[in-house]
Amino acid sequence: MTSSRFLCPFVLGLLVLGSARQAEAQIYSWRDASGHEIFSDRAPAGSATRRTFAVPGSALRSTRPVVEGYRNRYDGLIDQAAAKYSVRPDLVRAVIQVESGFNPRARSPKGAMGLMQLMPSTAAEFGVRDPYDPAANIHGGVAYLRSLLDRFGDETLALAAYNAGPSAVDRYGSAVPPYRETQQYVDRVQNITGAEPVRSARRVIYKSLVMVDGQFVPRYSDTKPSSGTYEIVR
């Protein structure tokens, strides 16, 4: 995650993110004879004979069972971290459900780890020494999610950045990137929360340089400078 949140964290043992058909992600999806959409990290050859498992709360199926025993086990940790970072608890639960299916030992092919699928760089940035420790992982993941909410001022964009990376959201003009997996990821998380996404107007911050005591110093303002050069930093 962090500035390189990756496009296809496969949820070991449970939900698989999005419709990740990109070859580099090595995650496949197809429909069975009954029309169910199935996700797997294995090629679909011979899929008709494979056993599949229902993904609770969705019409999806995966080739690995969802671990139900972990559900609700982390409510206390989720509520604590959500309160600390002022993030909706149901949003945190939804992210965990889609990211790892509440499996604390989940690991993606790209190296994302634990309940909130923290990449090593993200774990280091937010002080998570053991990404497989539920408490540490949740606190680090929620802190990261909070930073994305602050950066983009929009829940939808924050979720897109959590999945595809902040730079991808910036690259597409502060919009959800046109990656099918990311778009479906955002939809699934928000559908699980059962609430409309929280949106707020994105605040624009301008940076300009002003002369003070013979030196240029930066000045930040939410009002566009009437003259001179400036850059938008948010």
C-alpha atoms as a PDB file:
ATOM      1  CA  MET A   1       0.000   0.000   0.000  1.00  0.00           C
ATOM      2  CA  THR A   2       1.421   3.494   0.805  1.00  0.00           C
ATOM      3  CA  SER A   3       2.417   5.300  -2.341  1.00  0.00           C
ATOM      4  CA  SER A   4       2.501   1.925  -4.048  1.00  0.00           C
ATOM      5  CA  ARG A   5      -0.729   0.282  -3.118  1.00  0.00           C
ATOM      6  CA  PHE A   6      -1.032  -2.594  -5.506  1.00  0.00           C
ATOM      7  CA  LEU A   7      -3.623  -3.551  -7.959  1.00  0.00           C
ATOM      8  CA  CYS A   8      -4.448  -7.063  -7.028  1.00  0.00           C
ATOM      9  CA  PRO A   9      -4.229  -8.230  -3.447  1.00  0.00           C
ATOM     10  CA  PHE A  10      -5.592 -11.775  -3.668  1.00  0.00           C
ATOM     11  CA  VAL A  11      -7.372 -12.751  -0.509  1.00  0.00           C
ATOM     12  CA  LEU A  12      -5.978 -16.068   0.603  1.00  0.00           C
ATOM     13  CA  GLY A  13      -8.650 -18.440   1.734  1.00  0.00           C
ATOM     14  CA  LEU A  14     -11.524 -16.088   1.131  1.00  0.00           C
ATOM     15  CA  LEU A  15     -12.769 -13.210  -0.941  1.00  0.00           C
ATOM     16  CA  VAL A  16     -10.791 -12.359  -3.976  1.00  0.00           C
ATOM     17  CA  LEU A  17     -10.653  -8.720  -4.852  1.00  0.00           C
ATOM     18  CA  GLY A  18     -12.455  -7.416  -7.841  1.00  0.00           C
ATOM     19  CA  SER A  19     -12.595  -8.943 -11.242  1.00  0.00           C
ATOM     20  CA  ALA A  20      -8.849  -9.116 -11.605  1.00  0.00           C
ATOM     21  CA  ARG A  21      -8.383 -10.483 -15.058  1.00  0.00           C
ATOM     22  CA  GLN A  22      -5.061  -8.738 -15.593  1.00  0.00           C
ATOM     23  CA  ALA A  23      -2.436 -11.313 -16.520  1.00  0.00           C
ATOM     24  CA  GLU A  24       0.203  -9.767 -14.284  1.00  0.00           C
ATOM     25  CA  ALA A  25      -2.017 -10.236 -11.256  1.00  0.00           C
ATOM     26  CA  GLN A  26      -2.419 -13.961 -11.964  1.00  0.00           C
ATOM     27  CA  ILE A  27      -5.996 -13.858 -10.755  1.00  0.00           C
ATOM     28  CA  TYR A  28      -8.727 -15.261 -12.932  1.00  0.00           C
ATOM     29  CA  SER A  29     -12.486 -15.012 -13.032  1.00  0.00           C
ATOM     30  CA  TRP A  30     -15.105 -16.899 -14.982  1.00  0.00           C
ATOM     31  CA  ARG A  31     -18.721 -17.950 -14.734  1.00  0.00           C
ATOM     32  CA  ASP A  32     -19.831 -21.475 -13.983  1.00  0.00           C
ATOM     33  CA  ALA A  33     -22.765 -23.292 -15.561  1.00  0.00           C
ATOM     34  CA  SER A  34     -25.117 -21.651 -13.048  1.00  0.00           C
ATOM     35  CA  GLY A  35     -23.935 -18.166 -13.908  1.00  0.00           C
ATOM     36  CA  HIS A  36     -21.968 -17.604 -10.676  1.00  0.00           C
ATOM     37  CA  GLU A  37     -18.889 -15.444 -11.053  1.00  0.00           C
ATOM     38  CA  ILE A  38     -15.884 -17.280  -9.637  1.00  0.00           C
ATOM     39  CA  PHE A  39     -12.498 -15.874  -8.641  1.00  0.00           C
ATOM     40  CA  SER A  40      -9.280 -17.838  -8.282  1.00  0.00           C
ATOM     41  CA  ASP A  41      -5.518 -17.486  -8.448  1.00  0.00           C
ATOM     42  CA  ARG A  42      -5.517 -20.594 -10.650  1.00  0.00           C
ATOM     43  CA  ALA A  43      -6.211 -20.694 -14.369  1.00  0.00           C
ATOM     44  CA  PRO A  44      -9.800 -21.593 -15.244  1.00  0.00           C
ATOM     45  CA  ALA A  45      -8.864 -24.673 -17.290  1.00  0.00           C
ATOM     46  CA  GLY A  46     -10.948 -27.557 -15.989  1.00  0.00           C
ATOM     47  CA  SER A  47     -12.927 -25.188 -13.789  1.00  0.00           C
ATOM     48  CA  ALA A  48     -16.158 -27.058 -14.424  1.00  0.00           C
ATOM     49  CA  THR A  49     -14.969 -29.853 -12.182  1.00  0.00           C
ATOM     50  CA  ARG A  50     -13.623 -27.640  -9.424  1.00  0.00           C
ATOM     51  CA  ARG A  51     -15.379 -27.255  -6.131  1.00  0.00           C
ATOM     52  CA  THR A  52     -16.291 -23.660  -5.369  1.00  0.00           C
ATOM     53  CA  PHE A  53     -17.376 -21.863  -2.228  1.00  0.00           C
ATOM     54  CA  ALA A  54     -19.908 -19.114  -1.649  1.00  0.00           C
ATOM     55  CA  VAL A  55     -18.610 -15.727  -0.524  1.00  0.00           C
ATOM     56  CA  PRO A  56     -20.949 -14.456   2.236  1.00  0.00           C
ATOM     57  CA  GLY A  57     -22.743 -11.212   1.503  1.00  0.00           C
ATOM     58  CA  SER A  58     -22.272 -11.419  -2.249  1.00  0.00           C
ATOM     59  CA  ALA A  59     -23.204 -13.444  -5.321  1.00  0.00           C
ATOM     60  CA  LEU A  60     -19.561 -14.401  -5.836  1.00  0.00           C
ATOM     61  CA  ARG A  61     -17.831 -17.712  -5.380  1.00  0.00           C
ATOM     62  CA  SER A  62     -14.169 -18.580  -4.952  1.00  0.00           C
ATOM     63  CA  THR A  63     -12.116 -21.740  -5.290  1.00  0.00           C
ATOM     64  CA  ARG A  64     -11.092 -21.492  -1.651  1.00  0.00           C
ATOM     65  CA  PRO A  65     -13.415 -21.457   1.352  1.00  0.00           C
ATOM     66  CA  VAL A  66     -14.135 -18.311   3.305  1.00  0.00           C
ATOM     67  CA  VAL A  67     -12.917 -18.573   6.882  1.00  0.00           C
ATOM     68  CA  GLU A  68     -16.005 -17.808   8.920  1.00  0.00           C
ATOM     69  CA  GLY A  69     -14.395 -18.401  12.299  1.00  0.00           C
ATOM     70  CA  TYR A  70     -12.656 -15.030  12.276  1.00  0.00           C
ATOM     71  CA  ARG A  71     -15.760 -12.961  11.636  1.00  0.00           C
ATOM     72  CA  ASN A  72     -16.602 -10.662  14.580  1.00  0.00           C
ATOM     73  CA  ARG A  73     -13.439 -11.727  16.372  1.00  0.00           C
ATOM     74  CA  TYR A  74     -11.824  -8.347  15.766  1.00  0.00           C
ATOM     75  CA  ASP A  75     -14.756  -6.046  16.504  1.00  0.00           C
ATOM     76  CA  GLY A  76     -13.058  -4.577  19.568  1.00  0.00           C
ATOM     77  CA  LEU A  77      -9.822  -3.820  17.710  1.00  0.00           C
ATOM     78  CA  ILE A  78     -11.749  -2.361  14.782  1.00  0.00           C
ATOM     79  CA  ASP A  79     -13.842  -0.103  17.016  1.00  0.00           C
ATOM     80  CA  GLN A  80     -10.740   1.058  18.898  1.00  0.00           C
ATOM     81  CA  ALA A  81      -8.772   1.935  15.762  1.00  0.00           C
ATOM     82  CA  ALA A  82     -11.802   3.489  14.077  1.00  0.00           C
ATOM     83  CA  ALA A  83     -12.381   5.756  17.073  1.00  0.00           C
ATOM     84  CA  LYS A  84      -8.705   6.719  17.266  1.00  0.00           C
ATOM     85  CA  TYR A  85      -8.523   7.753  13.618  1.00  0.00           C
ATOM     86  CA  SER A  86     -12.122   8.934  13.188  1.00  0.00           C
ATOM     87  CA  VAL A  87     -13.019   6.376  10.540  1.00  0.00           C
ATOM     88  CA  ARG A  88     -16.393   4.660  10.350  1.00  0.00           C
ATOM     89  CA  PRO A  89     -16.123   1.177  11.919  1.00  0.00           C
ATOM     90  CA  ASP A  90     -18.367  -0.317   9.244  1.00  0.00           C
ATOM     91  CA  LEU A  91     -16.029   1.019   6.583  1.00  0.00           C
ATOM     92  CA  VAL A  92     -13.060  -0.639   8.278  1.00  0.00           C
ATOM     93  CA  ARG A  93     -14.954  -3.929   8.544  1.00  0.00           C
ATOM     94  CA  ALA A  94     -15.893  -3.754   4.872  1.00  0.00           C
ATOM     95  CA  VAL A  95     -12.287  -3.131   3.827  1.00  0.00           C
ATOM     96  CA  ILE A  96     -11.108  -6.070   5.923  1.00  0.00           C
ATOM     97  CA  GLN A  97     -13.817  -8.320   4.505  1.00  0.00           C
ATOM     98  CA  VAL A  98     -12.876  -7.523   0.924  1.00  0.00           C
ATOM     99  CA  GLU A  99      -9.134  -7.463   1.551  1.00  0.00           C
ATOM    100  CA  SER A 100      -8.702 -10.640   3.581  1.00  0.00           C
ATOM    101  CA  GLY A 101     -12.063 -12.089   4.560  1.00  0.00           C
ATOM    102  CA  PHE A 102     -10.954 -11.592   8.194  1.00  0.00           C
ATOM    103  CA  ASN A 103      -8.050 -14.011   7.772  1.00  0.00           C
ATOM    104  CA  PRO A 104      -5.113 -12.563   9.764  1.00  0.00           C
ATOM    105  CA  ARG A 105      -2.640 -14.805   7.924  1.00  0.00           C
ATOM    106  CA  ALA A 106      -3.721 -13.765   4.429  1.00  0.00           C
ATOM    107  CA  ARG A 107      -0.903 -12.938   2.034  1.00  0.00           C
ATOM    108  CA  SER A 108      -1.232 -11.842  -1.588  1.00  0.00           C
ATOM    109  CA  PRO A 109       1.115 -12.788  -4.447  1.00  0.00           C
ATOM    110  CA  LYS A 110       2.340  -9.185  -4.392  1.00  0.00           C
ATOM    111  CA  GLY A 111       3.267  -9.459  -0.715  1.00  0.00           C
ATOM    112  CA  ALA A 112       0.336  -7.678   0.963  1.00  0.00           C
ATOM    113  CA  MET A 113      -0.129  -9.084   4.444  1.00  0.00           C
ATOM    114  CA  GLY A 114      -2.718  -9.621   7.126  1.00  0.00           C
ATOM    115  CA  LEU A 115      -6.233  -8.412   7.737  1.00  0.00           C
ATOM    116  CA  MET A 116      -5.943  -5.122   5.860  1.00  0.00           C
ATOM    117  CA  GLN A 117      -3.365  -6.423   3.373  1.00  0.00           C
ATOM    118  CA  LEU A 118      -0.518  -4.075   4.207  1.00  0.00           C
ATOM    119  CA  MET A 119       2.398  -3.939   1.824  1.00  0.00           C
ATOM    120  CA  PRO A 120       5.818  -4.016   3.529  1.00  0.00           C
ATOM    121  CA  SER A 121       6.438  -0.340   2.736  1.00  0.00           C
ATOM    122  CA  THR A 122       3.078   0.657   4.202  1.00  0.00           C
ATOM    123  CA  ALA A 123       3.635  -1.415   7.307  1.00  0.00           C
ATOM    124  CA  ALA A 124       7.008   0.252   7.827  1.00  0.00           C
ATOM    125  CA  GLU A 125       5.611   3.740   7.221  1.00  0.00           C
ATOM    126  CA  PHE A 126       2.902   3.284   9.832  1.00  0.00           C
ATOM    127  CA  GLY A 127       5.053   1.511  12.391  1.00  0.00           C
ATOM    128  CA  VAL A 128       3.650  -1.998  11.980  1.00  0.00           C
ATOM    129  CA  ARG A 129       6.408  -4.387  12.959  1.00  0.00           C
ATOM    130  CA  ASP A 130       4.334  -7.551  12.591  1.00  0.00           C
ATOM    131  CA  PRO A 131       1.713  -7.250   9.830  1.00  0.00           C
ATOM    132  CA  TYR A 132       0.244 -10.587  10.881  1.00  0.00           C
ATOM    133  CA  ASP A 133      -0.564  -9.291  14.344  1.00  0.00           C
ATOM    134  CA  PRO A 134      -4.265  -8.339  14.130  1.00  0.00           C
ATOM    135  CA  ALA A 135      -4.054  -5.324  16.446  1.00  0.00           C
ATOM    136  CA  ALA A 136      -0.987  -3.870  14.737  1.00  0.00           C
ATOM    137  CA  ASN A 137      -2.325  -4.575  11.266  1.00  0.00           C
ATOM    138  CA  ILE A 138      -5.706  -2.981  11.926  1.00  0.00           C
ATOM    139  CA  HIS A 139      -4.200   0.117  13.525  1.00  0.00           C
ATOM    140  CA  GLY A 140      -1.734   0.533  10.675  1.00  0.00           C
ATOM    141  CA  GLY A 141      -4.357  -0.088   8.021  1.00  0.00           C
ATOM    142  CA  VAL A 142      -6.856   2.322   9.546  1.00  0.00           C
ATOM    143  CA  ALA A 143      -4.149   4.974   9.944  1.00  0.00           C
ATOM    144  CA  TYR A 144      -3.321   4.556   6.262  1.00  0.00           C
ATOM    145  CA  LEU A 145      -6.991   4.737   5.306  1.00  0.00           C
ATOM    146  CA  ARG A 146      -7.327   7.905   7.406  1.00  0.00           C
ATOM    147  CA  SER A 147      -4.407   9.466   5.553  1.00  0.00           C
ATOM    148  CA  LEU A 148      -6.110   8.723   2.233  1.00  0.00           C
ATOM    149  CA  LEU A 149      -9.405  10.189   3.430  1.00  0.00           C
ATOM    150  CA  ASP A 150      -7.549  13.340   4.479  1.00  0.00           C
ATOM    151  CA  ARG A 151      -5.646  13.523   1.218  1.00  0.00           C
ATOM    152  CA  PHE A 152      -8.584  13.070  -1.138  1.00  0.00           C
ATOM    153  CA  GLY A 153     -11.463  14.325   1.013  1.00  0.00           C
ATOM    154  CA  ASP A 154     -13.680  11.667  -0.534  1.00  0.00           C
ATOM    155  CA  GLU A 155     -14.396   8.131   0.610  1.00  0.00           C
ATOM    156  CA  THR A 156     -14.693   6.745  -2.908  1.00  0.00           C
ATOM    157  CA  LEU A 157     -11.316   8.154  -3.936  1.00  0.00           C
ATOM    158  CA  ALA A 158      -9.723   6.995  -0.685  1.00  0.00           C
ATOM    159  CA  LEU A 159     -10.876   3.440  -1.356  1.00  0.00           C
ATOM    160  CA  ALA A 160      -9.648   3.629  -4.925  1.00  0.00           C
ATOM    161  CA  ALA A 161      -6.266   4.789  -3.649  1.00  0.00           C
ATOM    162  CA  TYR A 162      -6.213   2.009  -1.053  1.00  0.00           C
ATOM    163  CA  ASN A 163      -6.558  -0.488  -3.882  1.00  0.00           C
ATOM    164  CA  ALA A 164      -4.721   1.089  -6.803  1.00  0.00           C
ATOM    165  CA  GLY A 165      -2.418   3.535  -5.039  1.00  0.00           C
ATOM    166  CA  PRO A 166      -2.685   7.310  -4.492  1.00  0.00           C
ATOM    167  CA  SER A 167      -0.563   8.042  -7.560  1.00  0.00           C
ATOM    168  CA  ALA A 168      -3.065   6.212  -9.772  1.00  0.00           C
ATOM    169  CA  VAL A 169      -5.911   8.376  -8.460  1.00  0.00           C
ATOM    170  CA  ASP A 170      -3.820  11.502  -9.041  1.00  0.00           C
ATOM    171  CA  ARG A 171      -2.845  10.343 -12.513  1.00  0.00           C
ATOM    172  CA  TYR A 172      -6.484  10.149 -13.558  1.00  0.00           C
ATOM    173  CA  GLY A 173      -7.340  13.612 -12.320  1.00  0.00           C
ATOM    174  CA  SER A 174      -8.585  12.745  -8.832  1.00  0.00           C
ATOM    175  CA  ALA A 175     -10.962  10.108 -10.152  1.00  0.00           C
ATOM    176  CA  VAL A 176     -11.348   6.372  -9.673  1.00  0.00           C
ATOM    177  CA  PRO A 177      -8.850   4.843 -12.125  1.00  0.00           C
ATOM    178  CA  PRO A 178     -10.426   3.017 -15.068  1.00  0.00           C
ATOM    179  CA  TYR A 179      -9.239  -0.333 -13.769  1.00  0.00           C
ATOM    180  CA  ARG A 180     -12.089  -2.789 -13.610  1.00  0.00           C
ATOM    181  CA  GLU A 181     -10.696  -4.412 -10.489  1.00  0.00           C
ATOM    182  CA  THR A 182     -10.405  -1.087  -8.674  1.00  0.00           C
ATOM    183  CA  GLN A 183     -13.875   0.018  -9.692  1.00  0.00           C
ATOM    184  CA  GLN A 184     -15.372  -3.254  -8.503  1.00  0.00           C
ATOM    185  CA  TYR A 185     -13.315  -3.100  -5.317  1.00  0.00           C
ATOM    186  CA  VAL A 186     -14.773   0.296  -4.457  1.00  0.00           C
ATOM    187  CA  ASP A 187     -18.292  -0.875  -5.259  1.00  0.00           C
ATOM    188  CA  ARG A 188     -17.989  -3.993  -3.121  1.00  0.00           C
ATOM    189  CA  VAL A 189     -16.621  -2.188  -0.095  1.00  0.00           C
ATOM    190  CA  GLN A 190     -19.340   0.438  -0.272  1.00  0.00           C
ATOM    191  CA  ASN A 191     -22.048  -2.156  -0.846  1.00  0.00           C
ATOM    192  CA  ILE A 192     -20.957  -4.011   2.277  1.00  0.00           C
ATOM    193  CA  THR A 193     -21.144  -0.892   4.417  1.00  0.00           C
ATOM    194  CA  GLY A 194     -24.799  -0.474   3.468  1.00  0.00           C
ATOM    195  CA  ALA A 195     -24.382   3.301   3.472  1.00  0.00           C
ATOM    196  CA  GLU A 196     -23.864   5.994   0.902  1.00  0.00           C
ATOM    197  CA  PRO A 197     -20.213   6.972   0.557  1.00  0.00           C
ATOM    198  CA  VAL A 198     -19.197   9.952   2.598  1.00  0.00           C
ATOM    199  CA  ARG A 199     -18.151  12.725   0.271  1.00  0.00           C
ATOM    200  CA  SER A 200     -16.860  16.194   0.847  1.00  0.00           C
ATOM    201  CA  ALA A 201     -15.683  18.903  -1.468  1.00  0.00           C
ATOM    202  CA  ARG A 202     -12.011  18.514  -2.186  1.00  0.00           C
ATOM    203  CA  ARG A 203     -10.185  21.454  -0.709  1.00  0.00           C
ATOM    204  CA  VAL A 204      -7.615  23.082  -2.952  1.00  0.00           C
ATOM    205  CA  ILE A 205      -4.468  24.371  -1.271  1.00  0.00           C
ATOM    206  CA  TYR A 206      -2.200  26.794  -3.116  1.00  0.00           C
ATOM    207  CA  LYS A 207       1.510  27.154  -2.472  1.00  0.00           C
ATOM    208  CA  SER A 208       3.309  30.346  -3.397  1.00  0.00           C
ATOM    209  CA  LEU A 209       6.628  31.924  -2.496  1.00  0.00           C
ATOM    210  CA  VAL A 210       6.838  35.286  -0.774  1.00  0.00           C
ATOM    211  CA  MET A 211       9.873  37.385   0.081  1.00  0.00           C
ATOM    212  CA  VAL A 212      10.491  37.681   3.807  1.00  0.00           C
ATOM    213  CA  ASP A 213      13.681  39.330   5.105  1.00  0.00           C
ATOM    214  CA  GLY A 214      15.411  38.812   1.798  1.00  0.00           C
ATOM    215  CA  GLN A 215      14.478  35.143   1.514  1.00  0.00           C
ATOM    216  CA  PHE A 216      11.711  33.297  -0.285  1.00  0.00           C
ATOM    217  CA  VAL A 217       9.499  31.327   2.071  1.00  0.00           C
ATOM    218  CA  PRO A 218       6.522  29.158   1.121  1.00  0.00           C
ATOM    219  CA  ARG A 219       3.021  30.343   1.929  1.00  0.00           C
ATOM    220  CA  TYR A 220      -0.023  28.081   1.841  1.00  0.00           C
ATOM    221  CA  SER A 221      -3.592  29.236   1.394  1.00  0.00           C
ATOM    222  CA  ASP A 222      -6.970  27.921   0.281  1.00  0.00           C
ATOM    223  CA  THR A 223      -7.422  31.187  -1.658  1.00  0.00           C
ATOM    224  CA  LYS A 224      -5.959  31.376  -5.130  1.00  0.00           C
ATOM    225  CA  PRO A 225      -3.179  34.000  -5.296  1.00  0.00           C
ATOM    226  CA  SER A 226      -4.204  37.065  -7.288  1.00  0.00           C
ATOM    227  CA  SER A 227      -0.752  37.380  -8.831  1.00  0.00           C
ATOM    228  CA  GLY A 228       2.569  35.641  -9.118  1.00  0.00           C
ATOM    229  CA  THR A 229       3.343  31.993  -9.604  1.00  0.00           C
ATOM    230  CA  TYR A 230       1.899  29.235  -7.474  1.00  0.00           C
ATOM    231  CA  GLU A 231       1.308  25.500  -7.414  1.00  0.00           C
ATOM    232  CA  ILE A 232      -1.590  23.398  -6.202  1.00  0.00           C
ATOM    233  CA  VAL A 233      -0.457  21.030  -3.486  1.00  0.00           C
ATOM    234  CA  ARG A 234      -3.826  19.491  -2.703  1.00  0.00           C
END
